Amino acid sequence: MSTATEALWSIDEDGDRARASDRFSRYGAYLDARLPELLEMEVRTPEEWVEWCWQVATPPVMSPGYVGWSGPVESTSCWRSCADGRLVAAVVVRVPSAGLAARLPRPWQGWSRDRTGALVEPRAACTALVRVTLEGPLDGDWPMAPAGLFDRVDRHGLVVAAKGAVAGVVDALGRHFAPAVEALRP
């Protein structure tokens, strides 16, 4: 995983274990809770499996998520394309408004910065905030759901496989989206 990827998307393995009621995996508890949904889906492709794993690992299902993002990344979603079945991601990036607020007729305010320099929404009645949505396919060698998952549920195997699928998405985001996100920084 590259430094840019680590700075933008991260997997909170320590927090997952520390906040787990079973001392194994908080993400695993969320997977357990959504297992009936997975079993009803009749997962047929690796993309369907990875999409489900990602959706469980991120807000709004898991908050805070097993996967997090930071810096200018405001949100990241991943789904399977209805057109061709490939995985697609959308990354919403906060972009400095470069004087946009100053050109507007009322006392509008652009992004503020927190102590770390990250862009944050200001506490103002009138805001002019610029966000860019980067959307595109995520190519990867996606894993299939674990064999036998639908015959008997091996919780440990399910969690390990789901974590591997999510790590693959984080890696693909770094390869495909991190350069574009970095290019949008001032």
N, C-alpha and C. Protein backbone atom coordinates (compact mmCIF):
# COMPACT_ATOMS: atom_id res chain seq x y z
N MET A 1 0.85 -1.18 0.00
CA MET A 1 0.00 0.00 0.00
C MET A 1 0.89 1.24 0.00
N SER A 2 0.58 2.19 -0.83
CA SER A 2 1.41 3.40 -0.94
C SER A 2 1.14 4.36 0.21
N THR A 3 2.05 5.30 0.39
CA THR A 3 1.87 6.32 1.44
C THR A 3 0.63 7.15 1.17
N ALA A 4 0.38 7.50 -0.12
CA ALA A 4 -0.81 8.28 -0.46
C ALA A 4 -2.07 7.51 -0.09
N THR A 5 -2.08 6.20 -0.37
CA THR A 5 -3.24 5.39 -0.03
C THR A 5 -3.46 5.37 1.47
N GLU A 6 -2.37 5.16 2.21
CA GLU A 6 -2.48 5.10 3.67
C GLU A 6 -2.99 6.42 4.24
N ALA A 7 -2.61 7.52 3.61
CA ALA A 7 -3.05 8.83 4.10
C ALA A 7 -4.52 9.09 3.79
N LEU A 8 -5.04 8.51 2.71
CA LEU A 8 -6.42 8.77 2.30
C LEU A 8 -7.41 7.72 2.80
N TRP A 9 -7.07 6.44 2.72
CA TRP A 9 -7.94 5.35 3.18
C TRP A 9 -7.16 4.48 4.15
N SER A 10 -7.82 4.06 5.20
CA SER A 10 -7.14 3.22 6.18
C SER A 10 -8.11 2.20 6.74
N ILE A 11 -7.54 1.07 7.11
CA ILE A 11 -8.28 0.00 7.78
C ILE A 11 -7.90 0.06 9.25
N ASP A 12 -8.89 0.13 10.11
CA ASP A 12 -8.65 0.27 11.55
C ASP A 12 -8.68 -1.11 12.22
N GLU A 13 -7.64 -1.89 11.97
CA GLU A 13 -7.57 -3.25 12.53
C GLU A 13 -7.48 -3.22 14.05
N ASP A 14 -6.67 -2.31 14.61
CA ASP A 14 -6.54 -2.24 16.07
C ASP A 14 -7.85 -1.82 16.71
N GLY A 15 -8.51 -0.81 16.16
CA GLY A 15 -9.80 -0.37 16.69
C GLY A 15 -10.87 -1.44 16.54
N ASP A 16 -10.80 -2.20 15.44
CA ASP A 16 -11.76 -3.28 15.22
C ASP A 16 -11.68 -4.31 16.34
N ARG A 17 -10.48 -4.69 16.68
CA ARG A 17 -10.28 -5.70 17.73
C ARG A 17 -10.59 -5.10 19.11
N ALA A 18 -10.13 -3.86 19.35
CA ALA A 18 -10.32 -3.23 20.67
C ALA A 18 -11.80 -2.98 20.98
N ARG A 19 -12.61 -2.68 19.97
CA ARG A 19 -14.03 -2.39 20.19
C ARG A 19 -14.93 -3.61 19.98
N ALA A 20 -14.33 -4.76 19.78
CA ALA A 20 -15.12 -5.97 19.53
C ALA A 20 -15.67 -6.54 20.83
N SER A 21 -16.95 -6.80 20.85
CA SER A 21 -17.55 -7.37 22.05
C SER A 21 -17.04 -8.79 22.31
N ASP A 22 -16.61 -9.47 21.24
CA ASP A 22 -16.09 -10.83 21.39
C ASP A 22 -14.55 -10.86 21.37
N ARG A 23 -13.91 -9.70 21.40
CA ARG A 23 -12.46 -9.53 21.37
C ARG A 23 -11.82 -10.06 20.08
N PHE A 24 -12.63 -10.35 19.07
CA PHE A 24 -12.11 -10.83 17.80
C PHE A 24 -12.28 -9.77 16.72
N SER A 25 -13.54 -9.33 16.49
CA SER A 25 -13.75 -8.37 15.42
C SER A 25 -15.11 -7.69 15.54
N ARG A 26 -15.09 -6.37 15.69
CA ARG A 26 -16.33 -5.59 15.65
C ARG A 26 -16.96 -5.69 14.26
N TYR A 27 -16.13 -5.62 13.21
CA TYR A 27 -16.61 -5.80 11.84
C TYR A 27 -17.30 -7.16 11.71
N GLY A 28 -16.74 -8.17 12.34
CA GLY A 28 -17.35 -9.51 12.32
C GLY A 28 -18.75 -9.51 12.90
N ALA A 29 -18.99 -8.73 13.94
CA ALA A 29 -20.33 -8.65 14.52
C ALA A 29 -21.31 -8.03 13.53
N TYR A 30 -20.84 -7.02 12.78
CA TYR A 30 -21.69 -6.40 11.76
C TYR A 30 -21.95 -7.38 10.62
N LEU A 31 -20.93 -8.16 10.26
CA LEU A 31 -21.13 -9.19 9.22
C LEU A 31 -22.17 -10.21 9.68
N ASP A 32 -22.05 -10.64 10.94
CA ASP A 32 -23.02 -11.60 11.50
C ASP A 32 -24.44 -11.05 11.41
N ALA A 33 -24.60 -9.79 11.78
CA ALA A 33 -25.94 -9.18 11.79
C ALA A 33 -26.53 -9.11 10.39
N ARG A 34 -25.69 -9.00 9.38
CA ARG A 34 -26.16 -8.87 7.99
C ARG A 34 -26.07 -10.17 7.21
N LEU A 35 -25.69 -11.25 7.86
CA LEU A 35 -25.54 -12.53 7.18
C LEU A 35 -26.83 -13.01 6.51
N PRO A 36 -28.00 -12.87 7.14
CA PRO A 36 -29.22 -13.29 6.43
C PRO A 36 -29.40 -12.58 5.08
N GLU A 37 -29.06 -11.29 5.04
CA GLU A 37 -29.13 -10.53 3.80
C GLU A 37 -28.20 -11.15 2.74
N LEU A 38 -26.98 -11.50 3.16
CA LEU A 38 -26.03 -12.10 2.23
C LEU A 38 -26.52 -13.45 1.73
N LEU A 39 -27.07 -14.24 2.62
CA LEU A 39 -27.55 -15.57 2.22
C LEU A 39 -28.72 -15.48 1.25
N GLU A 40 -29.56 -14.46 1.40
CA GLU A 40 -30.68 -14.26 0.48
C GLU A 40 -30.24 -13.75 -0.89
N MET A 41 -29.09 -13.09 -0.94
CA MET A 41 -28.61 -12.49 -2.19
C MET A 41 -28.20 -13.52 -3.24
N GLU A 42 -27.86 -14.72 -2.83
CA GLU A 42 -27.34 -15.73 -3.76
C GLU A 42 -26.17 -15.14 -4.54
N VAL A 43 -25.12 -14.80 -3.82
CA VAL A 43 -23.93 -14.20 -4.42
C VAL A 43 -23.37 -15.13 -5.49
N ARG A 44 -23.27 -14.60 -6.70
CA ARG A 44 -22.79 -15.41 -7.83
C ARG A 44 -21.45 -14.95 -8.38
N THR A 45 -21.06 -13.70 -8.08
CA THR A 45 -19.82 -13.18 -8.65
C THR A 45 -18.93 -12.61 -7.54
N PRO A 46 -17.63 -12.56 -7.80
CA PRO A 46 -16.75 -11.92 -6.82
C PRO A 46 -17.13 -10.47 -6.56
N GLU A 47 -17.59 -9.76 -7.59
CA GLU A 47 -17.96 -8.35 -7.42
C GLU A 47 -19.13 -8.19 -6.44
N GLU A 48 -20.09 -9.11 -6.48
CA GLU A 48 -21.22 -9.04 -5.54
C GLU A 48 -20.73 -9.24 -4.11
N TRP A 49 -19.81 -10.18 -3.92
CA TRP A 49 -19.24 -10.45 -2.60
C TRP A 49 -18.48 -9.23 -2.08
N VAL A 50 -17.61 -8.65 -2.91
CA VAL A 50 -16.80 -7.51 -2.50
C VAL A 50 -17.69 -6.30 -2.21
N GLU A 51 -18.69 -6.08 -3.03
CA GLU A 51 -19.62 -4.97 -2.81
C GLU A 51 -20.28 -5.10 -1.44
N TRP A 52 -20.75 -6.28 -1.10
CA TRP A 52 -21.41 -6.50 0.19
C TRP A 52 -20.43 -6.26 1.33
N CYS A 53 -19.21 -6.80 1.22
CA CYS A 53 -18.21 -6.62 2.28
C CYS A 53 -17.91 -5.14 2.50
N TRP A 54 -17.77 -4.37 1.40
CA TRP A 54 -17.47 -2.95 1.51
C TRP A 54 -18.61 -2.20 2.18
N GLN A 55 -19.83 -2.50 1.77
CA GLN A 55 -20.98 -1.77 2.32
C GLN A 55 -21.12 -2.00 3.82
N VAL A 56 -20.82 -3.20 4.29
CA VAL A 56 -20.89 -3.47 5.72
C VAL A 56 -19.76 -2.77 6.46
N ALA A 57 -18.59 -2.63 5.83
CA ALA A 57 -17.40 -2.09 6.49
C ALA A 57 -17.38 -0.56 6.60
N THR A 58 -18.33 0.12 5.95
CA THR A 58 -18.27 1.57 5.88
C THR A 58 -19.58 2.20 6.37
N PRO A 59 -19.54 3.50 6.73
CA PRO A 59 -20.79 4.18 7.08
C PRO A 59 -21.74 4.20 5.89
N PRO A 60 -23.01 4.13 6.08
CA PRO A 60 -23.70 4.28 7.36
C PRO A 60 -23.90 2.98 8.12
N VAL A 61 -23.56 1.82 7.54
CA VAL A 61 -23.76 0.55 8.26
C VAL A 61 -22.87 0.52 9.49
N MET A 62 -21.59 0.72 9.34
CA MET A 62 -20.65 0.71 10.46
C MET A 62 -20.14 2.12 10.67
N SER A 63 -20.35 2.66 11.88
CA SER A 63 -19.88 4.00 12.15
C SER A 63 -19.34 4.06 13.59
N PRO A 64 -18.05 4.28 13.81
CA PRO A 64 -17.07 4.48 12.76
C PRO A 64 -16.85 3.19 11.97
N GLY A 65 -16.44 3.34 10.75
CA GLY A 65 -16.26 2.20 9.87
C GLY A 65 -15.00 1.41 10.14
N TYR A 66 -14.99 0.18 9.67
CA TYR A 66 -13.77 -0.62 9.68
C TYR A 66 -12.77 0.03 8.73
N VAL A 67 -13.28 0.63 7.66
CA VAL A 67 -12.47 1.41 6.73
C VAL A 67 -12.81 2.88 6.96
N GLY A 68 -11.78 3.70 6.99
CA GLY A 68 -11.99 5.14 7.13
C GLY A 68 -11.25 5.88 6.04
N TRP A 69 -11.58 7.14 5.90
CA TRP A 69 -10.88 8.00 4.94
C TRP A 69 -10.59 9.31 5.62
N SER A 70 -9.61 10.03 5.09
CA SER A 70 -9.21 11.28 5.73
C SER A 70 -8.69 12.24 4.68
N GLY A 71 -8.14 13.35 5.18
CA GLY A 71 -7.65 14.38 4.28
C GLY A 71 -8.83 15.01 3.55
N PRO A 72 -8.68 15.23 2.27
CA PRO A 72 -9.76 15.87 1.53
C PRO A 72 -10.90 14.91 1.17
N VAL A 73 -10.74 13.61 1.44
CA VAL A 73 -11.78 12.65 1.09
C VAL A 73 -12.93 12.76 2.09
N GLU A 74 -14.11 13.09 1.59
CA GLU A 74 -15.29 13.24 2.44
C GLU A 74 -16.08 11.94 2.54
N SER A 75 -16.14 11.18 1.45
CA SER A 75 -16.84 9.90 1.47
C SER A 75 -16.33 9.03 0.33
N THR A 76 -16.53 7.73 0.49
CA THR A 76 -16.14 6.77 -0.53
C THR A 76 -17.20 5.68 -0.56
N SER A 77 -17.74 5.41 -1.74
CA SER A 77 -18.71 4.33 -1.88
C SER A 77 -18.27 3.39 -3.00
N CYS A 78 -18.78 2.20 -2.95
CA CYS A 78 -18.39 1.17 -3.91
C CYS A 78 -19.62 0.32 -4.20
N TRP A 79 -19.88 0.05 -5.47
CA TRP A 79 -21.03 -0.77 -5.86
C TRP A 79 -20.74 -1.48 -7.16
N ARG A 80 -21.59 -2.41 -7.49
CA ARG A 80 -21.47 -3.17 -8.73
C ARG A 80 -22.31 -2.49 -9.81
N SER A 81 -21.68 -2.26 -10.96
CA SER A 81 -22.36 -1.59 -12.07
C SER A 81 -23.46 -2.48 -12.63
N CYS A 82 -24.64 -1.89 -12.85
CA CYS A 82 -25.74 -2.62 -13.48
C CYS A 82 -25.44 -2.88 -14.95
N ALA A 83 -24.62 -2.03 -15.56
CA ALA A 83 -24.33 -2.14 -16.99
C ALA A 83 -23.44 -3.34 -17.31
N ASP A 84 -22.34 -3.49 -16.56
CA ASP A 84 -21.41 -4.57 -16.91
C ASP A 84 -20.96 -5.42 -15.73
N GLY A 85 -21.46 -5.15 -14.52
CA GLY A 85 -21.14 -5.97 -13.36
C GLY A 85 -19.82 -5.64 -12.70
N ARG A 86 -19.05 -4.70 -13.26
CA ARG A 86 -17.76 -4.33 -12.65
C ARG A 86 -17.99 -3.53 -11.38
N LEU A 87 -16.98 -3.52 -10.53
CA LEU A 87 -17.04 -2.67 -9.35
C LEU A 87 -16.76 -1.23 -9.77
N VAL A 88 -17.52 -0.32 -9.19
CA VAL A 88 -17.38 1.11 -9.45
C VAL A 88 -17.25 1.79 -8.09
N ALA A 89 -16.43 2.82 -8.04
CA ALA A 89 -16.29 3.59 -6.80
C ALA A 89 -16.56 5.05 -7.09
N ALA A 90 -17.04 5.74 -6.07
CA ALA A 90 -17.20 7.19 -6.11
C ALA A 90 -16.50 7.75 -4.88
N VAL A 91 -15.64 8.71 -5.11
CA VAL A 91 -14.90 9.35 -4.03
C VAL A 91 -15.26 10.84 -4.07
N VAL A 92 -15.83 11.35 -2.99
CA VAL A 92 -16.17 12.76 -2.90
C VAL A 92 -15.01 13.47 -2.20
N VAL A 93 -14.48 14.49 -2.87
CA VAL A 93 -13.28 15.19 -2.41
C VAL A 93 -13.63 16.65 -2.13
N ARG A 94 -13.22 17.13 -0.97
CA ARG A 94 -13.37 18.56 -0.64
C ARG A 94 -12.25 19.32 -1.34
N VAL A 95 -12.64 20.37 -2.06
CA VAL A 95 -11.68 21.15 -2.85
C VAL A 95 -11.75 22.60 -2.40
N PRO A 96 -10.60 23.23 -2.14
CA PRO A 96 -10.62 24.65 -1.77
C PRO A 96 -11.36 25.47 -2.83
N SER A 97 -12.13 26.43 -2.37
CA SER A 97 -12.98 27.19 -3.30
C SER A 97 -12.25 28.31 -4.02
N ALA A 98 -11.01 28.56 -3.70
CA ALA A 98 -10.17 29.54 -4.40
C ALA A 98 -10.89 30.86 -4.66
N GLY A 99 -11.43 31.46 -3.60
CA GLY A 99 -12.04 32.76 -3.74
C GLY A 99 -13.48 32.77 -4.22
N LEU A 100 -14.08 31.61 -4.39
CA LEU A 100 -15.46 31.55 -4.87
C LEU A 100 -16.39 32.34 -3.95
N ALA A 101 -16.26 32.13 -2.65
CA ALA A 101 -17.15 32.81 -1.70
C ALA A 101 -17.02 34.33 -1.81
N ALA A 102 -15.83 34.82 -2.07
CA ALA A 102 -15.61 36.27 -2.15
C ALA A 102 -16.30 36.89 -3.36
N ARG A 103 -16.55 36.09 -4.39
CA ARG A 103 -17.19 36.62 -5.60
C ARG A 103 -18.72 36.61 -5.53
N LEU A 104 -19.27 36.02 -4.49
CA LEU A 104 -20.72 35.93 -4.36
C LEU A 104 -21.28 37.19 -3.71
N PRO A 105 -22.56 37.53 -3.98
CA PRO A 105 -23.12 38.82 -3.54
C PRO A 105 -23.37 38.95 -2.05
N ARG A 106 -23.44 37.88 -1.30
CA ARG A 106 -23.71 37.98 0.13
C ARG A 106 -22.46 37.57 0.91
N PRO A 107 -22.50 37.68 2.20
CA PRO A 107 -21.31 37.31 3.00
C PRO A 107 -21.16 35.78 3.09
N TRP A 108 -20.80 35.17 2.00
CA TRP A 108 -20.63 33.72 1.94
C TRP A 108 -19.25 33.35 2.45
N GLN A 109 -19.15 32.14 2.97
CA GLN A 109 -17.87 31.68 3.48
C GLN A 109 -17.54 30.33 2.85
N GLY A 110 -16.26 30.15 2.50
CA GLY A 110 -15.79 28.88 1.95
C GLY A 110 -15.33 27.95 3.06
N TRP A 111 -14.59 26.93 2.69
CA TRP A 111 -14.08 25.95 3.66
C TRP A 111 -13.23 26.63 4.73
N SER A 112 -13.32 26.11 5.95
CA SER A 112 -12.40 26.48 7.02
C SER A 112 -11.37 25.36 7.13
N ARG A 113 -10.36 25.57 7.92
CA ARG A 113 -9.36 24.52 8.15
C ARG A 113 -9.29 24.22 9.64
N ASP A 114 -9.14 22.94 9.96
CA ASP A 114 -8.98 22.56 11.36
C ASP A 114 -7.50 22.65 11.74
N ARG A 115 -7.16 22.23 12.95
CA ARG A 115 -5.77 22.33 13.43
C ARG A 115 -4.79 21.55 12.58
N THR A 116 -5.26 20.49 11.90
CA THR A 116 -4.37 19.68 11.07
C THR A 116 -4.26 20.22 9.64
N GLY A 117 -5.05 21.24 9.32
CA GLY A 117 -5.04 21.80 7.97
C GLY A 117 -6.09 21.20 7.06
N ALA A 118 -6.88 20.24 7.58
CA ALA A 118 -7.93 19.61 6.77
C ALA A 118 -9.08 20.59 6.55
N LEU A 119 -9.71 20.50 5.38
CA LEU A 119 -10.87 21.34 5.09
C LEU A 119 -12.08 20.86 5.89
N VAL A 120 -12.74 21.78 6.57
CA VAL A 120 -13.93 21.46 7.37
C VAL A 120 -15.00 22.49 7.06
N GLU A 121 -16.26 22.10 7.25
CA GLU A 121 -17.35 23.03 7.01
C GLU A 121 -17.33 24.12 8.06
N PRO A 122 -17.46 25.38 7.62
CA PRO A 122 -17.44 26.49 8.58
C PRO A 122 -18.77 26.59 9.32
N ARG A 123 -18.74 27.24 10.43
CA ARG A 123 -19.97 27.53 11.18
C ARG A 123 -20.47 28.88 10.70
N ALA A 124 -21.16 28.85 9.57
CA ALA A 124 -21.66 30.09 8.98
C ALA A 124 -23.04 29.83 8.38
N ALA A 125 -23.85 30.88 8.31
CA ALA A 125 -25.19 30.73 7.76
C ALA A 125 -25.15 30.52 6.25
N CYS A 126 -24.19 31.13 5.58
CA CYS A 126 -24.10 31.06 4.11
C CYS A 126 -22.74 30.48 3.73
N THR A 127 -22.75 29.32 3.14
CA THR A 127 -21.49 28.68 2.75
C THR A 127 -21.49 28.37 1.26
N ALA A 128 -20.32 28.46 0.66
CA ALA A 128 -20.10 28.07 -0.73
C ALA A 128 -18.94 27.08 -0.71
N LEU A 129 -19.28 25.80 -0.76
CA LEU A 129 -18.28 24.74 -0.59
C LEU A 129 -18.19 23.92 -1.88
N VAL A 130 -16.97 23.68 -2.32
CA VAL A 130 -16.77 22.95 -3.56
C VAL A 130 -16.38 21.51 -3.24
N ARG A 131 -17.09 20.59 -3.87
CA ARG A 131 -16.80 19.17 -3.76
C ARG A 131 -16.71 18.60 -5.17
N VAL A 132 -15.77 17.70 -5.37
CA VAL A 132 -15.64 17.02 -6.66
C VAL A 132 -15.90 15.54 -6.42
N THR A 133 -16.73 14.94 -7.26
CA THR A 133 -16.97 13.51 -7.18
C THR A 133 -16.18 12.83 -8.28
N LEU A 134 -15.26 11.97 -7.87
CA LEU A 134 -14.50 11.16 -8.80
C LEU A 134 -15.19 9.80 -8.86
N GLU A 135 -15.57 9.36 -10.03
CA GLU A 135 -16.27 8.08 -10.17
C GLU A 135 -15.65 7.29 -11.31
N GLY A 136 -15.42 6.02 -11.05
CA GLY A 136 -14.84 5.18 -12.10
C GLY A 136 -14.75 3.74 -11.66
N PRO A 137 -14.39 2.86 -12.60
CA PRO A 137 -14.30 1.44 -12.29
C PRO A 137 -13.11 1.12 -11.39
N LEU A 138 -13.28 0.09 -10.59
CA LEU A 138 -12.20 -0.43 -9.76
C LEU A 138 -11.82 -1.79 -10.32
N ASP A 139 -10.69 -1.84 -10.97
CA ASP A 139 -10.24 -3.11 -11.51
C ASP A 139 -9.43 -3.85 -10.46
N GLY A 140 -9.65 -5.15 -10.39
CA GLY A 140 -8.90 -5.95 -9.44
C GLY A 140 -9.20 -7.41 -9.66
N ASP A 141 -8.42 -8.23 -9.02
CA ASP A 141 -8.63 -9.68 -9.05
C ASP A 141 -9.41 -10.01 -7.79
N TRP A 142 -10.73 -9.81 -7.86
CA TRP A 142 -11.58 -9.89 -6.67
C TRP A 142 -11.79 -11.33 -6.23
N PRO A 143 -11.78 -11.56 -4.92
CA PRO A 143 -12.00 -12.92 -4.40
C PRO A 143 -13.49 -13.27 -4.42
N MET A 144 -13.77 -14.53 -4.54
CA MET A 144 -15.14 -15.04 -4.44
C MET A 144 -15.45 -15.24 -2.96
N ALA A 145 -16.72 -15.28 -2.63
CA ALA A 145 -17.11 -15.59 -1.25
C ALA A 145 -16.53 -16.95 -0.88
N PRO A 146 -16.19 -17.14 0.39
CA PRO A 146 -15.57 -18.41 0.79
C PRO A 146 -16.42 -19.61 0.40
N ALA A 147 -15.77 -20.65 -0.09
CA ALA A 147 -16.48 -21.89 -0.46
C ALA A 147 -17.18 -22.45 0.77
N GLY A 148 -18.37 -22.92 0.60
CA GLY A 148 -19.13 -23.52 1.70
C GLY A 148 -19.81 -22.51 2.60
N LEU A 149 -19.67 -21.22 2.32
CA LEU A 149 -20.27 -20.19 3.16
C LEU A 149 -21.77 -20.40 3.29
N PHE A 150 -22.39 -20.84 2.21
CA PHE A 150 -23.84 -20.95 2.21
C PHE A 150 -24.33 -22.29 2.76
N ASP A 151 -23.42 -23.23 2.95
CA ASP A 151 -23.79 -24.51 3.55
C ASP A 151 -23.70 -24.44 5.07
N ARG A 152 -22.63 -23.87 5.53
CA ARG A 152 -22.41 -23.70 6.97
C ARG A 152 -21.62 -22.41 7.14
N VAL A 153 -21.90 -21.70 8.17
CA VAL A 153 -21.23 -20.42 8.37
C VAL A 153 -20.04 -20.63 9.31
N ASP A 154 -18.84 -20.42 8.77
CA ASP A 154 -17.60 -20.43 9.53
C ASP A 154 -17.29 -18.97 9.81
N ARG A 155 -17.62 -18.50 11.00
CA ARG A 155 -17.51 -17.08 11.32
C ARG A 155 -16.09 -16.56 11.12
N HIS A 156 -15.12 -17.29 11.62
CA HIS A 156 -13.74 -16.84 11.48
C HIS A 156 -13.36 -16.73 10.00
N GLY A 157 -13.71 -17.73 9.23
CA GLY A 157 -13.41 -17.70 7.79
C GLY A 157 -14.12 -16.57 7.08
N LEU A 158 -15.36 -16.31 7.47
CA LEU A 158 -16.14 -15.22 6.88
C LEU A 158 -15.45 -13.88 7.14
N VAL A 159 -15.05 -13.64 8.38
CA VAL A 159 -14.43 -12.37 8.75
C VAL A 159 -13.09 -12.19 8.03
N VAL A 160 -12.27 -13.24 8.00
CA VAL A 160 -10.97 -13.15 7.34
C VAL A 160 -11.16 -12.88 5.84
N ALA A 161 -12.09 -13.57 5.21
CA ALA A 161 -12.34 -13.37 3.78
C ALA A 161 -12.89 -11.98 3.49
N ALA A 162 -13.81 -11.50 4.33
CA ALA A 162 -14.38 -10.17 4.13
C ALA A 162 -13.32 -9.09 4.33
N LYS A 163 -12.47 -9.25 5.33
CA LYS A 163 -11.39 -8.29 5.54
C LYS A 163 -10.44 -8.27 4.34
N GLY A 164 -10.18 -9.42 3.77
CA GLY A 164 -9.33 -9.49 2.58
C GLY A 164 -9.96 -8.77 1.40
N ALA A 165 -11.27 -8.93 1.23
CA ALA A 165 -11.98 -8.24 0.15
C ALA A 165 -11.92 -6.73 0.33
N VAL A 166 -12.12 -6.26 1.54
CA VAL A 166 -12.08 -4.83 1.83
C VAL A 166 -10.67 -4.27 1.61
N ALA A 167 -9.66 -5.02 2.03
CA ALA A 167 -8.28 -4.59 1.81
C ALA A 167 -7.99 -4.46 0.32
N GLY A 168 -8.56 -5.34 -0.49
CA GLY A 168 -8.39 -5.25 -1.94
C GLY A 168 -9.00 -3.98 -2.50
N VAL A 169 -10.15 -3.58 -1.97
CA VAL A 169 -10.79 -2.34 -2.43
C VAL A 169 -9.93 -1.14 -2.03
N VAL A 170 -9.43 -1.13 -0.80
CA VAL A 170 -8.58 -0.02 -0.35
C VAL A 170 -7.35 0.09 -1.26
N ASP A 171 -6.75 -1.04 -1.61
CA ASP A 171 -5.59 -1.04 -2.49
C ASP A 171 -5.97 -0.50 -3.88
N ALA A 172 -7.10 -0.95 -4.42
CA ALA A 172 -7.55 -0.48 -5.73
C ALA A 172 -7.87 1.01 -5.71
N LEU A 173 -8.46 1.50 -4.63
CA LEU A 173 -8.72 2.93 -4.50
C LEU A 173 -7.41 3.71 -4.57
N GLY A 174 -6.40 3.19 -3.90
CA GLY A 174 -5.10 3.86 -3.93
C GLY A 174 -4.51 3.90 -5.32
N ARG A 175 -4.61 2.83 -6.05
CA ARG A 175 -4.07 2.78 -7.41
C ARG A 175 -4.84 3.68 -8.37
N HIS A 176 -6.17 3.63 -8.29
CA HIS A 176 -7.01 4.30 -9.29
C HIS A 176 -7.42 5.73 -8.92
N PHE A 177 -7.58 6.01 -7.63
CA PHE A 177 -8.13 7.31 -7.23
C PHE A 177 -7.16 8.22 -6.48
N ALA A 178 -6.20 7.69 -5.77
CA ALA A 178 -5.28 8.53 -4.99
C ALA A 178 -4.57 9.56 -5.86
N PRO A 179 -4.07 9.21 -7.05
CA PRO A 179 -3.41 10.25 -7.86
C PRO A 179 -4.36 11.41 -8.21
N ALA A 180 -5.60 11.12 -8.52
CA ALA A 180 -6.56 12.18 -8.85
C ALA A 180 -6.87 13.03 -7.61
N VAL A 181 -7.03 12.39 -6.45
CA VAL A 181 -7.29 13.13 -5.23
C VAL A 181 -6.10 14.05 -4.93
N GLU A 182 -4.90 13.52 -5.06
CA GLU A 182 -3.71 14.33 -4.79
C GLU A 182 -3.62 15.51 -5.76
N ALA A 183 -4.02 15.32 -7.00
CA ALA A 183 -3.99 16.40 -8.00
C ALA A 183 -4.97 17.52 -7.66
N LEU A 184 -6.00 17.21 -6.88
CA LEU A 184 -6.99 18.24 -6.51
C LEU A 184 -6.57 19.05 -5.30
N ARG A 185 -5.52 18.62 -4.63
CA ARG A 185 -5.03 19.39 -3.48
C ARG A 185 -4.43 20.70 -3.97
N PRO A 186 -4.51 21.76 -3.15
CA PRO A 186 -3.93 23.06 -3.57
C PRO A 186 -2.41 22.99 -3.65
